[in-house]
Amino acid sequence: MPERAAPETFATSLLREHGAEIFGFLARAHGSGEAEEIYGLFVEAVLRSSASYRGDASPRTWGYLLARSAARRHARRRARARALFTPIAHHPSALERPVTGPEREAIAGSEVACLDRSLSPEERELLVLRLGRGFRFSEIAIILGEVEDGAPGQERVRAEARVRKRFQELRDRLRAARPS
């Protein structure tokens, strides 16, 4: 993909080459229903900001950065809507109702479901980016917003170290929670 392509050409090329992979990342990290909405926001962001792409990060990394930003925007919108339109009995501030019957069996029967519920969206994103998509820690630091694209070397090294440490702590926590 040429670095200096016209913005429309760059956007089209980015979506053609990495769109399906990025949608898969969003579906894995946020669920397929949410992924569709987030992907729409991502495409808008690509079209709106492709002229500002400087080429410091790879187009793939830049695409994931935009996708993650779209996911954050989507989460903020949903939180605002929930706060405005959630009946008080279902509001997070209400007492949590006990899980009984078939719900309890479904949850207990699925270790993966329990694991997914225990992870924050950021933790799921970190795991998918590293293990599922094979990004280097330096690229993940950019995608997660730990460091600006094009930041000086020392800042990048520190951000990469923070992401690596967070990943290792998450990995250790998941290993400790795994039944023996």
N, C-alpha and C. Protein backbone atom coordinates (compact mmCIF):
# COMPACT_ATOMS: atom_id res chain seq x y z
N MET A 1 0.84 -1.16 0.00
CA MET A 1 0.00 0.00 0.00
C MET A 1 0.90 1.24 0.00
N PRO A 2 0.80 2.11 -0.99
CA PRO A 2 1.69 3.28 -1.04
C PRO A 2 1.37 4.25 0.09
N GLU A 3 2.46 4.83 0.66
CA GLU A 3 2.29 5.75 1.78
C GLU A 3 1.68 7.07 1.36
N ARG A 4 1.95 7.51 0.16
CA ARG A 4 1.51 8.83 -0.29
C ARG A 4 0.31 8.75 -1.24
N ALA A 5 -0.47 7.70 -1.16
CA ALA A 5 -1.63 7.56 -2.04
C ALA A 5 -2.66 8.64 -1.72
N ALA A 6 -3.51 8.94 -2.67
CA ALA A 6 -4.60 9.88 -2.43
C ALA A 6 -5.45 9.34 -1.28
N PRO A 7 -6.02 10.21 -0.45
CA PRO A 7 -6.78 9.74 0.72
C PRO A 7 -7.86 8.72 0.37
N GLU A 8 -8.58 8.94 -0.73
CA GLU A 8 -9.65 7.99 -1.09
C GLU A 8 -9.06 6.63 -1.47
N THR A 9 -7.95 6.66 -2.20
CA THR A 9 -7.29 5.43 -2.60
C THR A 9 -6.73 4.70 -1.38
N PHE A 10 -6.12 5.46 -0.48
CA PHE A 10 -5.56 4.89 0.74
C PHE A 10 -6.66 4.24 1.56
N ALA A 11 -7.78 4.94 1.76
CA ALA A 11 -8.89 4.41 2.55
C ALA A 11 -9.44 3.12 1.93
N THR A 12 -9.64 3.14 0.63
CA THR A 12 -10.16 1.95 -0.06
C THR A 12 -9.19 0.79 0.09
N SER A 13 -7.92 1.05 -0.09
CA SER A 13 -6.91 0.01 0.02
C SER A 13 -6.83 -0.55 1.44
N LEU A 14 -6.88 0.32 2.43
CA LEU A 14 -6.84 -0.11 3.83
C LEU A 14 -8.02 -1.02 4.14
N LEU A 15 -9.21 -0.60 3.72
CA LEU A 15 -10.40 -1.40 4.00
C LEU A 15 -10.37 -2.73 3.25
N ARG A 16 -9.90 -2.72 2.03
CA ARG A 16 -9.84 -3.96 1.24
C ARG A 16 -8.81 -4.93 1.84
N GLU A 17 -7.64 -4.42 2.22
CA GLU A 17 -6.58 -5.30 2.70
C GLU A 17 -6.74 -5.73 4.16
N HIS A 18 -7.32 -4.88 4.99
CA HIS A 18 -7.36 -5.18 6.43
C HIS A 18 -8.75 -5.14 7.03
N GLY A 19 -9.75 -4.77 6.26
CA GLY A 19 -11.11 -4.62 6.80
C GLY A 19 -11.66 -5.88 7.43
N ALA A 20 -11.56 -7.01 6.73
CA ALA A 20 -12.10 -8.27 7.26
C ALA A 20 -11.37 -8.68 8.54
N GLU A 21 -10.05 -8.52 8.55
CA GLU A 21 -9.27 -8.87 9.74
C GLU A 21 -9.67 -7.98 10.92
N ILE A 22 -9.85 -6.71 10.67
CA ILE A 22 -10.23 -5.78 11.74
C ILE A 22 -11.64 -6.08 12.23
N PHE A 23 -12.54 -6.42 11.30
CA PHE A 23 -13.89 -6.81 11.74
C PHE A 23 -13.82 -8.05 12.63
N GLY A 24 -12.98 -9.01 12.27
CA GLY A 24 -12.81 -10.20 13.10
C GLY A 24 -12.30 -9.86 14.49
N PHE A 25 -11.36 -8.93 14.56
CA PHE A 25 -10.86 -8.46 15.86
C PHE A 25 -12.00 -7.86 16.68
N LEU A 26 -12.80 -7.00 16.06
CA LEU A 26 -13.91 -6.36 16.77
C LEU A 26 -14.93 -7.39 17.23
N ALA A 27 -15.23 -8.37 16.38
CA ALA A 27 -16.19 -9.41 16.75
C ALA A 27 -15.68 -10.25 17.92
N ARG A 28 -14.39 -10.56 17.91
CA ARG A 28 -13.81 -11.37 18.98
C ARG A 28 -13.75 -10.59 20.29
N ALA A 29 -13.42 -9.32 20.20
CA ALA A 29 -13.27 -8.51 21.41
C ALA A 29 -14.59 -7.98 21.95
N HIS A 30 -15.59 -7.76 21.07
CA HIS A 30 -16.81 -7.08 21.50
C HIS A 30 -18.10 -7.82 21.17
N GLY A 31 -18.01 -8.97 20.50
CA GLY A 31 -19.22 -9.70 20.11
C GLY A 31 -19.65 -9.26 18.72
N SER A 32 -20.26 -10.18 17.98
CA SER A 32 -20.57 -9.88 16.57
C SER A 32 -21.61 -8.79 16.41
N GLY A 33 -22.61 -8.72 17.28
CA GLY A 33 -23.62 -7.66 17.18
C GLY A 33 -23.02 -6.28 17.37
N GLU A 34 -22.21 -6.15 18.38
CA GLU A 34 -21.54 -4.86 18.64
C GLU A 34 -20.54 -4.55 17.53
N ALA A 35 -19.88 -5.59 17.03
CA ALA A 35 -18.84 -5.39 16.00
C ALA A 35 -19.41 -4.72 14.76
N GLU A 36 -20.62 -5.05 14.38
CA GLU A 36 -21.21 -4.44 13.19
C GLU A 36 -21.35 -2.93 13.36
N GLU A 37 -21.84 -2.52 14.52
CA GLU A 37 -22.00 -1.09 14.77
C GLU A 37 -20.63 -0.40 14.85
N ILE A 38 -19.71 -1.02 15.55
CA ILE A 38 -18.37 -0.44 15.70
C ILE A 38 -17.66 -0.36 14.35
N TYR A 39 -17.83 -1.39 13.53
CA TYR A 39 -17.17 -1.39 12.22
C TYR A 39 -17.67 -0.23 11.37
N GLY A 40 -18.96 0.08 11.46
CA GLY A 40 -19.49 1.24 10.74
C GLY A 40 -18.80 2.53 11.17
N LEU A 41 -18.61 2.69 12.48
CA LEU A 41 -17.89 3.87 12.99
C LEU A 41 -16.44 3.86 12.52
N PHE A 42 -15.85 2.68 12.48
CA PHE A 42 -14.47 2.55 12.00
C PHE A 42 -14.34 2.99 10.54
N VAL A 43 -15.25 2.53 9.69
CA VAL A 43 -15.20 2.91 8.27
C VAL A 43 -15.34 4.42 8.13
N GLU A 44 -16.25 5.02 8.89
CA GLU A 44 -16.39 6.48 8.86
C GLU A 44 -15.08 7.15 9.25
N ALA A 45 -14.43 6.63 10.29
CA ALA A 45 -13.17 7.21 10.76
C ALA A 45 -12.08 7.08 9.70
N VAL A 46 -12.03 5.95 9.03
CA VAL A 46 -11.02 5.76 7.98
C VAL A 46 -11.24 6.77 6.87
N LEU A 47 -12.48 6.92 6.43
CA LEU A 47 -12.78 7.85 5.34
C LEU A 47 -12.51 9.30 5.76
N ARG A 48 -12.85 9.62 7.00
CA ARG A 48 -12.69 10.99 7.49
C ARG A 48 -11.22 11.36 7.73
N SER A 49 -10.41 10.40 8.15
CA SER A 49 -9.06 10.75 8.60
C SER A 49 -7.94 10.19 7.72
N SER A 50 -8.26 9.59 6.60
CA SER A 50 -7.20 8.99 5.79
C SER A 50 -6.20 10.02 5.27
N ALA A 51 -6.63 11.27 5.11
CA ALA A 51 -5.70 12.31 4.65
C ALA A 51 -4.65 12.62 5.72
N SER A 52 -4.93 12.30 6.99
CA SER A 52 -3.98 12.62 8.07
C SER A 52 -2.98 11.49 8.33
N TYR A 53 -3.09 10.38 7.63
CA TYR A 53 -2.15 9.27 7.81
C TYR A 53 -0.75 9.72 7.39
N ARG A 54 0.21 9.61 8.35
CA ARG A 54 1.57 10.09 8.09
C ARG A 54 2.53 8.98 7.67
N GLY A 55 2.17 7.75 7.94
CA GLY A 55 3.04 6.65 7.56
C GLY A 55 4.03 6.22 8.62
N ASP A 56 3.95 6.77 9.84
CA ASP A 56 4.87 6.36 10.90
C ASP A 56 4.61 4.92 11.33
N ALA A 57 3.35 4.56 11.44
CA ALA A 57 2.97 3.17 11.75
C ALA A 57 2.51 2.52 10.45
N SER A 58 2.47 1.20 10.45
CA SER A 58 1.98 0.51 9.25
C SER A 58 0.49 0.82 9.08
N PRO A 59 -0.02 0.74 7.86
CA PRO A 59 -1.46 0.95 7.65
C PRO A 59 -2.30 -0.02 8.50
N ARG A 60 -1.83 -1.24 8.67
CA ARG A 60 -2.55 -2.22 9.49
C ARG A 60 -2.65 -1.74 10.93
N THR A 61 -1.54 -1.31 11.50
CA THR A 61 -1.54 -0.81 12.88
C THR A 61 -2.43 0.42 13.00
N TRP A 62 -2.33 1.32 12.04
CA TRP A 62 -3.15 2.54 12.05
C TRP A 62 -4.64 2.17 11.97
N GLY A 63 -4.97 1.17 11.17
CA GLY A 63 -6.36 0.72 11.07
C GLY A 63 -6.87 0.19 12.39
N TYR A 64 -6.05 -0.61 13.08
CA TYR A 64 -6.46 -1.11 14.39
C TYR A 64 -6.62 0.03 15.40
N LEU A 65 -5.76 1.03 15.32
CA LEU A 65 -5.89 2.19 16.20
C LEU A 65 -7.23 2.87 15.98
N LEU A 66 -7.61 3.07 14.73
CA LEU A 66 -8.91 3.68 14.42
C LEU A 66 -10.06 2.79 14.88
N ALA A 67 -9.92 1.48 14.72
CA ALA A 67 -10.97 0.55 15.13
C ALA A 67 -11.16 0.59 16.65
N ARG A 68 -10.08 0.65 17.36
CA ARG A 68 -10.18 0.71 18.82
C ARG A 68 -10.80 2.02 19.27
N SER A 69 -10.45 3.11 18.61
CA SER A 69 -11.07 4.40 18.91
C SER A 69 -12.57 4.35 18.63
N ALA A 70 -12.95 3.71 17.54
CA ALA A 70 -14.38 3.57 17.22
C ALA A 70 -15.09 2.76 18.30
N ALA A 71 -14.43 1.72 18.82
CA ALA A 71 -15.02 0.90 19.88
C ALA A 71 -15.23 1.73 21.14
N ARG A 72 -14.27 2.59 21.47
CA ARG A 72 -14.41 3.46 22.65
C ARG A 72 -15.57 4.45 22.46
N ARG A 73 -15.67 5.04 21.27
CA ARG A 73 -16.78 5.96 21.00
C ARG A 73 -18.12 5.24 21.13
N HIS A 74 -18.18 4.04 20.59
CA HIS A 74 -19.41 3.25 20.65
C HIS A 74 -19.78 2.94 22.11
N ALA A 75 -18.80 2.56 22.91
CA ALA A 75 -19.05 2.24 24.32
C ALA A 75 -19.56 3.46 25.07
N ARG A 76 -18.97 4.62 24.79
CA ARG A 76 -19.44 5.85 25.46
C ARG A 76 -20.88 6.17 25.06
N ARG A 77 -21.20 6.03 23.79
CA ARG A 77 -22.57 6.28 23.33
C ARG A 77 -23.56 5.33 23.99
N ARG A 78 -23.19 4.05 24.06
CA ARG A 78 -24.10 3.07 24.67
C ARG A 78 -24.27 3.35 26.17
N ALA A 79 -23.21 3.75 26.82
CA ALA A 79 -23.31 4.06 28.26
C ALA A 79 -24.23 5.25 28.48
N ARG A 80 -24.11 6.28 27.64
CA ARG A 80 -25.01 7.44 27.76
C ARG A 80 -26.45 7.02 27.51
N ALA A 81 -26.68 6.22 26.49
CA ALA A 81 -28.04 5.78 26.18
C ALA A 81 -28.60 4.92 27.31
N ARG A 82 -27.77 4.03 27.87
CA ARG A 82 -28.22 3.20 28.98
C ARG A 82 -28.60 4.05 30.18
N ALA A 83 -27.81 5.05 30.46
CA ALA A 83 -28.08 5.91 31.60
C ALA A 83 -29.39 6.66 31.42
N LEU A 84 -29.69 7.02 30.18
CA LEU A 84 -30.91 7.76 29.91
C LEU A 84 -32.15 6.88 29.84
N PHE A 85 -32.01 5.66 29.32
CA PHE A 85 -33.18 4.86 29.00
C PHE A 85 -33.31 3.54 29.76
N THR A 86 -32.47 3.28 30.73
CA THR A 86 -32.53 2.03 31.46
C THR A 86 -33.54 2.14 32.60
N PRO A 87 -34.50 1.20 32.65
CA PRO A 87 -35.42 1.20 33.80
C PRO A 87 -34.62 1.01 35.08
N ILE A 88 -35.05 1.62 36.14
CA ILE A 88 -34.30 1.60 37.39
C ILE A 88 -34.04 0.18 37.89
N ALA A 89 -34.96 -0.74 37.65
CA ALA A 89 -34.76 -2.13 38.10
C ALA A 89 -33.60 -2.80 37.39
N HIS A 90 -33.26 -2.32 36.19
CA HIS A 90 -32.17 -2.92 35.43
C HIS A 90 -30.90 -2.08 35.46
N HIS A 91 -30.95 -0.97 36.15
CA HIS A 91 -29.79 -0.08 36.19
C HIS A 91 -28.66 -0.73 36.99
N PRO A 92 -27.40 -0.53 36.56
CA PRO A 92 -26.27 -1.15 37.28
C PRO A 92 -26.21 -0.77 38.75
N SER A 93 -26.78 0.35 39.12
CA SER A 93 -26.73 0.74 40.53
C SER A 93 -27.72 -0.05 41.39
N ALA A 94 -28.69 -0.70 40.74
CA ALA A 94 -29.64 -1.52 41.48
C ALA A 94 -28.93 -2.77 41.98
N LEU A 95 -29.50 -3.38 43.01
CA LEU A 95 -28.90 -4.61 43.53
C LEU A 95 -28.89 -5.68 42.45
N GLU A 96 -27.81 -6.42 42.40
CA GLU A 96 -27.68 -7.47 41.40
C GLU A 96 -28.58 -8.63 41.79
N ARG A 97 -29.38 -9.10 40.83
CA ARG A 97 -30.27 -10.21 41.13
C ARG A 97 -29.49 -11.52 41.08
N PRO A 98 -29.87 -12.48 41.88
CA PRO A 98 -29.16 -13.76 41.86
C PRO A 98 -29.43 -14.50 40.54
N VAL A 99 -28.43 -15.20 40.07
CA VAL A 99 -28.56 -16.00 38.86
C VAL A 99 -29.05 -17.38 39.27
N THR A 100 -30.18 -17.82 38.68
CA THR A 100 -30.76 -19.10 39.06
C THR A 100 -31.12 -19.90 37.83
N GLY A 101 -31.48 -21.17 38.07
CA GLY A 101 -32.01 -22.04 37.03
C GLY A 101 -31.10 -22.23 35.83
N PRO A 102 -31.70 -22.19 34.63
CA PRO A 102 -30.94 -22.47 33.40
C PRO A 102 -29.79 -21.49 33.19
N GLU A 103 -29.95 -20.22 33.62
CA GLU A 103 -28.87 -19.25 33.47
C GLU A 103 -27.63 -19.73 34.21
N ARG A 104 -27.83 -20.17 35.44
CA ARG A 104 -26.70 -20.61 36.26
C ARG A 104 -26.01 -21.82 35.63
N GLU A 105 -26.78 -22.77 35.13
CA GLU A 105 -26.21 -23.96 34.49
C GLU A 105 -25.44 -23.59 33.23
N ALA A 106 -25.99 -22.65 32.44
CA ALA A 106 -25.31 -22.25 31.21
C ALA A 106 -23.98 -21.58 31.53
N ILE A 107 -23.98 -20.74 32.56
CA ILE A 107 -22.75 -20.04 32.94
C ILE A 107 -21.74 -21.04 33.50
N ALA A 108 -22.19 -21.89 34.40
CA ALA A 108 -21.27 -22.85 35.02
C ALA A 108 -20.74 -23.85 34.01
N GLY A 109 -21.53 -24.16 32.99
CA GLY A 109 -21.11 -25.14 32.00
C GLY A 109 -20.15 -24.60 30.98
N SER A 110 -19.91 -23.31 30.99
CA SER A 110 -19.04 -22.73 29.97
C SER A 110 -17.90 -21.96 30.62
N GLU A 111 -16.74 -22.59 30.69
CA GLU A 111 -15.56 -21.94 31.26
C GLU A 111 -15.20 -20.70 30.47
N VAL A 112 -15.37 -20.78 29.15
CA VAL A 112 -15.04 -19.65 28.29
C VAL A 112 -15.96 -18.47 28.60
N ALA A 113 -17.24 -18.72 28.79
CA ALA A 113 -18.17 -17.64 29.10
C ALA A 113 -17.77 -16.96 30.40
N CYS A 114 -17.41 -17.77 31.41
CA CYS A 114 -16.98 -17.18 32.69
C CYS A 114 -15.71 -16.37 32.51
N LEU A 115 -14.79 -16.89 31.71
CA LEU A 115 -13.54 -16.19 31.48
C LEU A 115 -13.80 -14.86 30.79
N ASP A 116 -14.62 -14.90 29.74
CA ASP A 116 -14.92 -13.66 29.02
C ASP A 116 -15.58 -12.64 29.92
N ARG A 117 -16.44 -13.09 30.82
CA ARG A 117 -17.11 -12.16 31.73
C ARG A 117 -16.13 -11.54 32.72
N SER A 118 -15.05 -12.25 33.00
CA SER A 118 -14.09 -11.74 33.99
C SER A 118 -13.11 -10.75 33.38
N LEU A 119 -13.06 -10.66 32.06
CA LEU A 119 -12.11 -9.77 31.40
C LEU A 119 -12.78 -8.47 30.97
N SER A 120 -12.07 -7.39 31.11
CA SER A 120 -12.57 -6.11 30.62
C SER A 120 -12.40 -6.08 29.10
N PRO A 121 -13.10 -5.19 28.41
CA PRO A 121 -12.90 -5.08 26.96
C PRO A 121 -11.43 -4.81 26.60
N GLU A 122 -10.74 -4.02 27.41
CA GLU A 122 -9.33 -3.72 27.15
C GLU A 122 -8.46 -4.97 27.27
N GLU A 123 -8.78 -5.82 28.25
CA GLU A 123 -8.02 -7.05 28.41
C GLU A 123 -8.27 -8.00 27.24
N ARG A 124 -9.53 -8.10 26.81
CA ARG A 124 -9.84 -8.95 25.65
C ARG A 124 -9.13 -8.42 24.41
N GLU A 125 -9.12 -7.10 24.24
CA GLU A 125 -8.43 -6.51 23.08
C GLU A 125 -6.94 -6.84 23.11
N LEU A 126 -6.33 -6.71 24.27
CA LEU A 126 -4.91 -7.01 24.40
C LEU A 126 -4.62 -8.46 24.01
N LEU A 127 -5.44 -9.39 24.51
CA LEU A 127 -5.23 -10.80 24.18
C LEU A 127 -5.43 -11.06 22.69
N VAL A 128 -6.48 -10.49 22.11
CA VAL A 128 -6.75 -10.73 20.69
C VAL A 128 -5.65 -10.12 19.83
N LEU A 129 -5.20 -8.91 20.16
CA LEU A 129 -4.15 -8.28 19.37
C LEU A 129 -2.85 -9.07 19.42
N ARG A 130 -2.48 -9.56 20.59
CA ARG A 130 -1.21 -10.25 20.74
C ARG A 130 -1.29 -11.70 20.26
N LEU A 131 -2.27 -12.44 20.76
CA LEU A 131 -2.33 -13.86 20.47
C LEU A 131 -3.10 -14.16 19.18
N GLY A 132 -4.18 -13.43 18.95
CA GLY A 132 -5.01 -13.71 17.80
C GLY A 132 -4.54 -13.06 16.52
N ARG A 133 -3.91 -11.89 16.63
CA ARG A 133 -3.51 -11.15 15.45
C ARG A 133 -2.01 -11.05 15.27
N GLY A 134 -1.24 -11.43 16.29
CA GLY A 134 0.21 -11.48 16.17
C GLY A 134 0.91 -10.13 16.14
N PHE A 135 0.30 -9.10 16.69
CA PHE A 135 0.96 -7.80 16.72
C PHE A 135 2.11 -7.82 17.71
N ARG A 136 3.16 -7.06 17.39
CA ARG A 136 4.27 -6.86 18.32
C ARG A 136 3.81 -5.92 19.43
N PHE A 137 4.48 -5.97 20.57
CA PHE A 137 4.10 -5.11 21.69
C PHE A 137 4.22 -3.63 21.31
N SER A 138 5.19 -3.29 20.48
CA SER A 138 5.34 -1.88 20.06
C SER A 138 4.13 -1.42 19.26
N GLU A 139 3.58 -2.31 18.43
CA GLU A 139 2.38 -1.96 17.66
C GLU A 139 1.15 -1.89 18.55
N ILE A 140 1.07 -2.81 19.51
CA ILE A 140 -0.06 -2.81 20.44
C ILE A 140 -0.06 -1.52 21.26
N ALA A 141 1.11 -1.05 21.63
CA ALA A 141 1.20 0.20 22.40
C ALA A 141 0.58 1.36 21.61
N ILE A 142 0.79 1.39 20.32
CA ILE A 142 0.18 2.44 19.48
C ILE A 142 -1.32 2.25 19.41
N ILE A 143 -1.75 1.02 19.14
CA ILE A 143 -3.18 0.73 19.00
C ILE A 143 -3.93 1.05 20.29
N LEU A 144 -3.36 0.70 21.42
CA LEU A 144 -4.03 0.94 22.70
C LEU A 144 -3.89 2.38 23.19
N GLY A 145 -3.18 3.20 22.44
CA GLY A 145 -3.05 4.60 22.81
C GLY A 145 -2.05 4.86 23.92
N GLU A 146 -1.15 3.92 24.16
CA GLU A 146 -0.12 4.10 25.18
C GLU A 146 0.94 5.10 24.73
N VAL A 147 1.11 5.22 23.42
CA VAL A 147 2.12 6.12 22.87
C VAL A 147 1.59 6.63 21.53
N GLU A 148 1.93 7.85 21.21
CA GLU A 148 1.52 8.44 19.93
C GLU A 148 2.34 7.84 18.81
N ASP A 149 1.71 7.68 17.67
CA ASP A 149 2.41 7.24 16.47
C ASP A 149 3.45 8.30 16.14
N GLY A 150 4.69 7.92 16.00
CA GLY A 150 5.76 8.86 15.69
C GLY A 150 6.42 9.47 16.92
N ALA A 151 6.11 8.95 18.11
CA ALA A 151 6.73 9.47 19.35
C ALA A 151 8.22 9.10 19.37
N PRO A 152 9.02 9.85 20.15
CA PRO A 152 10.45 9.55 20.25
C PRO A 152 10.70 8.14 20.78
N GLY A 153 11.88 7.62 20.49
CA GLY A 153 12.24 6.24 20.81
C GLY A 153 12.06 5.85 22.26
N GLN A 154 12.49 6.69 23.20
CA GLN A 154 12.39 6.35 24.63
C GLN A 154 10.94 6.20 25.06
N GLU A 155 10.07 7.08 24.57
CA GLU A 155 8.65 6.97 24.91
C GLU A 155 8.07 5.67 24.39
N ARG A 156 8.47 5.30 23.18
CA ARG A 156 7.98 4.05 22.58
C ARG A 156 8.45 2.84 23.37
N VAL A 157 9.71 2.87 23.80
CA VAL A 157 10.27 1.75 24.56
C VAL A 157 9.53 1.61 25.90
N ARG A 158 9.28 2.72 26.58
CA ARG A 158 8.56 2.67 27.86
C ARG A 158 7.12 2.18 27.66
N ALA A 159 6.46 2.66 26.61
CA ALA A 159 5.09 2.23 26.34
C ALA A 159 5.04 0.74 26.01
N GLU A 160 6.01 0.28 25.22
CA GLU A 160 6.08 -1.15 24.89
C GLU A 160 6.28 -1.98 26.16
N ALA A 161 7.12 -1.51 27.06
CA ALA A 161 7.37 -2.23 28.32
C ALA A 161 6.09 -2.28 29.17
N ARG A 162 5.34 -1.18 29.22
CA ARG A 162 4.08 -1.17 29.99
C ARG A 162 3.09 -2.19 29.41
N VAL A 163 2.97 -2.23 28.10
CA VAL A 163 2.03 -3.16 27.46
C VAL A 163 2.49 -4.60 27.69
N ARG A 164 3.77 -4.86 27.54
CA ARG A 164 4.31 -6.20 27.77
C ARG A 164 4.03 -6.65 29.21
N LYS A 165 4.25 -5.76 30.17
CA LYS A 165 4.01 -6.09 31.58
C LYS A 165 2.52 -6.37 31.82
N ARG A 166 1.65 -5.54 31.24
CA ARG A 166 0.21 -5.75 31.39
C ARG A 166 -0.20 -7.11 30.80
N PHE A 167 0.37 -7.45 29.65
CA PHE A 167 0.07 -8.73 29.02
C PHE A 167 0.55 -9.88 29.90
N GLN A 168 1.78 -9.78 30.42
CA GLN A 168 2.31 -10.84 31.26
C GLN A 168 1.49 -11.01 32.54
N GLU A 169 1.06 -9.90 33.14
CA GLU A 169 0.23 -9.98 34.35
C GLU A 169 -1.12 -10.63 34.03
N LEU A 170 -1.71 -10.26 32.90
CA LEU A 170 -2.97 -10.86 32.48
C LEU A 170 -2.79 -12.36 32.22
N ARG A 171 -1.73 -12.72 31.51
CA ARG A 171 -1.44 -14.12 31.23
C ARG A 171 -1.28 -14.91 32.54
N ASP A 172 -0.54 -14.35 33.49
CA ASP A 172 -0.33 -15.03 34.77
C ASP A 172 -1.64 -15.17 35.54
N ARG A 173 -2.47 -14.13 35.52
CA ARG A 173 -3.76 -14.18 36.20
C ARG A 173 -4.66 -15.25 35.59
N LEU A 174 -4.66 -15.35 34.26
CA LEU A 174 -5.49 -16.36 33.59
C LEU A 174 -4.98 -17.76 33.87
N ARG A 175 -3.66 -17.94 33.91
CA ARG A 175 -3.09 -19.25 34.22
C ARG A 175 -3.44 -19.66 35.64
N ALA A 176 -3.40 -18.71 36.58
CA ALA A 176 -3.72 -19.02 37.97
C ALA A 176 -5.20 -19.35 38.14
N ALA A 177 -6.05 -18.78 37.31
CA ALA A 177 -7.49 -19.02 37.43
C ALA A 177 -7.91 -20.31 36.74
N ARG A 178 -7.03 -20.87 35.90
CA ARG A 178 -7.36 -22.09 35.17
C ARG A 178 -7.48 -23.26 36.14
N PRO A 179 -8.57 -24.05 36.01
CA PRO A 179 -8.70 -25.20 36.90
C PRO A 179 -7.59 -26.22 36.64
N SER A 180 -7.14 -26.87 37.72
CA SER A 180 -6.04 -27.83 37.55
C SER A 180 -6.52 -29.19 37.13
